[in-house]
N, C-alpha and C. Protein backbone atom coordinates (compact mmCIF):
# COMPACT_ATOMS: atom_id res chain seq x y z
N UNK A 1 94.69 88.61 99.85
CA UNK A 1 95.50 89.81 99.60
C UNK A 1 94.96 90.94 100.30
N UNK A 2 95.81 91.86 100.71
CA UNK A 2 95.19 93.09 101.38
C UNK A 2 94.64 94.08 100.32
N UNK A 3 93.91 94.83 100.81
CA UNK A 3 93.23 95.89 100.05
C UNK A 3 94.28 96.84 99.54
N UNK A 4 94.40 97.04 98.12
CA UNK A 4 95.44 97.87 97.56
C UNK A 4 95.06 99.44 98.00
N UNK A 5 96.18 100.17 98.00
CA UNK A 5 96.06 101.55 98.26
C UNK A 5 95.34 102.25 96.99
N UNK A 6 94.28 103.16 97.32
CA UNK A 6 93.53 103.80 96.31
C UNK A 6 94.05 105.32 96.37
N UNK A 7 93.99 105.93 95.14
CA UNK A 7 94.56 107.16 95.09
C UNK A 7 93.46 108.12 94.37
N UNK A 8 93.62 109.43 94.75
CA UNK A 8 92.84 110.44 94.15
C UNK A 8 93.93 111.33 93.25
N UNK A 9 93.57 111.61 92.00
CA UNK A 9 94.55 112.47 91.11
C UNK A 9 93.88 113.81 91.12
N UNK A 10 94.84 114.87 91.34
CA UNK A 10 94.37 116.22 91.25
C UNK A 10 95.38 117.03 90.61
N UNK A 11 95.03 118.16 90.12
CA UNK A 11 95.96 119.07 89.49
C UNK A 11 96.29 120.14 90.49
N UNK A 12 97.51 120.68 90.54
CA UNK A 12 97.91 121.69 91.56
C UNK A 12 98.96 122.61 90.92
N UNK A 13 99.20 123.67 91.51
CA UNK A 13 100.35 124.69 91.08
C UNK A 13 101.42 124.53 92.08
N UNK A 14 102.57 124.36 91.48
CA UNK A 14 103.88 124.51 92.47
C UNK A 14 104.32 126.04 92.12
N UNK A 15 104.47 126.70 93.10
CA UNK A 15 104.90 128.14 93.12
C UNK A 15 106.16 128.18 93.93
N UNK A 16 107.19 128.63 93.25
CA UNK A 16 108.58 128.90 93.85
C UNK A 16 108.88 130.46 93.84
N UNK A 17 109.49 130.73 94.79
CA UNK A 17 109.94 132.24 94.74
C UNK A 17 110.80 132.59 93.65
N UNK A 18 110.45 133.62 93.02
CA UNK A 18 111.24 134.16 91.74
C UNK A 18 111.22 133.21 90.66
N UNK A 19 110.23 132.35 90.48
CA UNK A 19 110.09 131.48 89.36
C UNK A 19 108.60 131.39 88.97
N UNK A 20 108.51 131.01 87.73
CA UNK A 20 106.99 130.70 87.24
C UNK A 20 106.28 129.53 87.94
N UNK A 21 105.13 129.63 88.12
CA UNK A 21 104.29 128.61 88.66
C UNK A 21 104.23 127.49 87.73
N UNK A 22 104.27 126.28 88.13
CA UNK A 22 104.22 125.10 87.31
C UNK A 22 102.83 124.28 87.59
N UNK A 23 102.11 123.83 86.57
CA UNK A 23 100.97 123.03 86.78
C UNK A 23 101.45 121.60 86.97
N UNK A 24 101.09 120.95 87.93
CA UNK A 24 101.65 119.55 88.21
C UNK A 24 100.39 118.70 88.59
N UNK A 25 100.55 117.43 88.30
CA UNK A 25 99.53 116.38 88.78
C UNK A 25 100.01 115.73 90.04
N UNK A 26 99.11 115.66 90.99
CA UNK A 26 99.49 115.09 92.26
C UNK A 26 98.54 113.86 92.59
N UNK A 27 98.98 113.11 93.49
CA UNK A 27 98.27 111.87 93.92
C UNK A 27 98.19 112.10 95.40
N UNK A 28 97.00 111.78 96.11
CA UNK A 28 96.71 111.56 97.48
C UNK A 28 96.15 110.21 97.75
N UNK A 29 96.50 109.58 98.90
CA UNK A 29 95.83 108.28 99.18
C UNK A 29 94.59 108.64 99.87
N UNK A 30 93.48 107.95 99.29
CA UNK A 30 92.09 108.07 99.78
C UNK A 30 91.40 106.85 99.88
N UNK A 31 90.60 106.59 100.79
CA UNK A 31 89.92 105.30 101.00
C UNK A 31 88.92 105.09 99.83
N UNK A 32 88.37 106.23 99.17
CA UNK A 32 87.55 106.00 98.07
C UNK A 32 87.99 106.43 96.69
N UNK A 33 89.37 106.49 96.65
CA UNK A 33 90.02 106.97 95.32
C UNK A 33 89.59 106.08 94.16
N UNK A 34 89.53 106.58 93.11
CA UNK A 34 89.13 106.07 91.87
C UNK A 34 90.46 105.34 91.12
N UNK A 35 91.62 105.45 91.67
CA UNK A 35 92.76 104.95 90.90
C UNK A 35 93.57 103.93 91.90
N UNK A 36 94.25 102.91 91.27
CA UNK A 36 95.14 102.12 91.98
C UNK A 36 96.35 102.12 91.15
N UNK A 37 97.62 101.91 91.65
CA UNK A 37 98.79 101.91 91.11
C UNK A 37 98.76 100.61 90.20
N UNK A 38 99.45 100.68 89.04
CA UNK A 38 99.42 99.58 87.95
C UNK A 38 99.92 98.30 88.77
N UNK A 39 100.96 98.36 89.57
CA UNK A 39 101.56 97.31 90.11
C UNK A 39 100.48 96.54 91.11
N UNK A 40 99.74 97.28 91.83
CA UNK A 40 98.56 96.75 92.53
C UNK A 40 97.58 95.97 91.71
N UNK A 41 97.13 96.73 90.62
CA UNK A 41 96.19 96.28 89.61
C UNK A 41 96.72 94.89 89.19
N UNK A 42 97.91 94.92 88.66
CA UNK A 42 98.58 93.62 88.08
C UNK A 42 98.55 92.47 89.13
N UNK A 43 98.86 92.85 90.33
CA UNK A 43 98.80 91.84 91.35
C UNK A 43 97.51 91.23 91.69
N UNK A 44 96.42 92.23 91.74
CA UNK A 44 95.20 91.69 91.87
C UNK A 44 94.66 90.89 90.78
N UNK A 45 94.96 91.30 89.54
CA UNK A 45 94.58 90.54 88.33
C UNK A 45 95.17 89.09 88.27
N UNK A 46 96.40 89.05 88.74
CA UNK A 46 97.15 87.66 88.79
C UNK A 46 96.44 86.80 89.91
N UNK A 47 96.18 87.55 90.96
CA UNK A 47 95.52 86.64 92.06
C UNK A 47 94.21 86.17 91.85
N UNK A 48 93.45 86.95 91.00
CA UNK A 48 92.04 86.53 90.52
C UNK A 48 92.28 85.33 89.62
N UNK A 49 93.31 85.44 88.69
CA UNK A 49 93.37 84.33 87.60
C UNK A 49 93.88 83.10 88.47
N UNK A 50 94.71 83.19 89.45
CA UNK A 50 95.19 82.02 90.12
C UNK A 50 94.18 81.35 90.91
N UNK A 51 93.12 82.17 91.53
CA UNK A 51 92.01 81.62 92.16
C UNK A 51 91.12 80.85 91.25
N UNK A 52 90.87 81.54 90.17
CA UNK A 52 90.05 80.91 89.06
C UNK A 52 90.51 79.71 88.57
N UNK A 53 91.89 79.62 88.39
CA UNK A 53 92.48 78.30 87.88
C UNK A 53 92.40 77.23 88.97
N UNK A 54 92.42 77.45 90.19
CA UNK A 54 92.37 76.56 91.33
C UNK A 54 90.92 76.04 91.45
N UNK A 55 89.97 76.96 91.20
CA UNK A 55 88.50 76.58 91.19
C UNK A 55 88.22 75.63 90.12
N UNK A 56 88.73 76.02 88.98
CA UNK A 56 88.46 75.11 87.77
C UNK A 56 88.99 73.75 87.99
N UNK A 57 90.24 73.71 88.51
CA UNK A 57 90.94 72.31 88.90
C UNK A 57 90.14 71.56 89.84
N UNK A 58 89.45 72.23 90.83
CA UNK A 58 88.67 71.49 91.71
C UNK A 58 87.53 70.90 91.12
N UNK A 59 86.87 71.61 90.31
CA UNK A 59 85.65 71.27 89.59
C UNK A 59 85.91 70.12 88.67
N UNK A 60 87.10 70.17 87.95
CA UNK A 60 87.39 69.09 87.22
C UNK A 60 87.74 67.79 87.91
N UNK A 61 88.35 67.98 89.04
CA UNK A 61 88.73 66.78 89.93
C UNK A 61 87.37 66.11 90.32
N UNK A 62 86.34 66.88 90.65
CA UNK A 62 85.09 66.41 90.97
C UNK A 62 84.35 65.52 89.87
N UNK A 63 84.52 66.14 88.62
CA UNK A 63 83.88 65.44 87.50
C UNK A 63 84.82 64.14 87.24
N UNK A 64 86.18 64.12 87.26
CA UNK A 64 86.97 62.93 87.10
C UNK A 64 86.76 61.89 88.09
N UNK A 65 86.42 62.31 89.40
CA UNK A 65 86.13 61.32 90.36
C UNK A 65 84.74 60.72 90.33
N UNK A 66 83.95 61.39 89.47
CA UNK A 66 82.43 60.93 89.29
C UNK A 66 81.78 60.93 90.71
N UNK A 67 82.17 61.96 91.50
CA UNK A 67 81.49 62.09 92.69
C UNK A 67 80.40 63.22 92.55
N UNK A 68 79.42 62.99 91.63
CA UNK A 68 78.55 63.98 91.28
C UNK A 68 77.28 63.98 92.02
N UNK A 69 77.33 64.27 93.24
CA UNK A 69 76.24 64.43 94.10
C UNK A 69 75.55 65.68 93.81
N UNK A 70 74.28 65.71 94.23
CA UNK A 70 73.57 67.05 93.89
C UNK A 70 74.31 68.25 94.39
N UNK A 71 74.89 68.08 95.55
CA UNK A 71 75.67 69.25 96.19
C UNK A 71 76.77 69.58 95.29
N UNK A 72 77.70 68.70 94.84
CA UNK A 72 78.62 69.04 93.82
C UNK A 72 78.17 69.59 92.58
N UNK A 73 77.04 69.22 92.09
CA UNK A 73 76.59 69.71 90.74
C UNK A 73 76.11 71.15 90.96
N UNK A 74 75.60 71.53 92.03
CA UNK A 74 75.07 72.78 92.29
C UNK A 74 76.17 73.75 92.47
N UNK A 75 77.35 73.26 93.14
CA UNK A 75 78.59 74.06 93.45
C UNK A 75 79.15 74.28 92.07
N UNK A 76 79.24 73.16 91.20
CA UNK A 76 79.79 73.43 89.82
C UNK A 76 79.02 74.45 89.06
N UNK A 77 77.83 74.39 89.09
CA UNK A 77 76.87 75.37 88.44
C UNK A 77 77.11 76.85 88.85
N UNK A 78 77.24 77.03 90.22
CA UNK A 78 77.50 78.27 90.86
C UNK A 78 78.86 78.91 90.28
N UNK A 79 79.95 77.80 90.39
CA UNK A 79 81.23 78.30 90.09
C UNK A 79 81.32 78.77 88.57
N UNK A 80 80.76 77.94 87.76
CA UNK A 80 80.87 78.46 86.26
C UNK A 80 79.97 79.79 86.05
N UNK A 81 78.79 79.97 86.80
CA UNK A 81 78.12 81.29 86.65
C UNK A 81 78.90 82.40 87.15
N UNK A 82 79.62 82.14 88.36
CA UNK A 82 80.42 83.15 89.02
C UNK A 82 81.45 83.67 87.99
N UNK A 83 82.09 82.72 87.31
CA UNK A 83 83.19 82.97 86.40
C UNK A 83 82.63 83.81 85.16
N UNK A 84 81.45 83.68 84.81
CA UNK A 84 80.87 84.49 83.80
C UNK A 84 80.26 85.78 84.29
N UNK A 85 80.35 85.97 85.47
CA UNK A 85 79.88 87.10 86.07
C UNK A 85 78.36 87.22 86.35
N UNK A 86 77.71 86.06 86.34
CA UNK A 86 76.40 85.89 86.58
C UNK A 86 76.02 85.62 88.05
N UNK A 87 74.73 85.87 88.48
CA UNK A 87 74.30 85.52 89.74
C UNK A 87 73.87 84.02 89.69
N UNK A 88 74.24 83.34 90.77
CA UNK A 88 73.75 81.97 90.79
C UNK A 88 72.49 81.65 91.43
């Protein structure tokens, strides 16, 4: 998936001739913005979940096939550690 657009939120004043100034919240697209649109966040979250489920299925296929070489065991440990947010 491509990188989502990031936004910076700021307050501004809209001033119109012969009218009161209004305080408004505005967004600007920034490379280092602190915000992403909810739709982008939801899409990223679903993509992460889809990839996690695929990885779990691959690991379970390895266990079912009993192809437990040292390489596959290390990969399974790394996968499970990554899911928990740990360093492998």
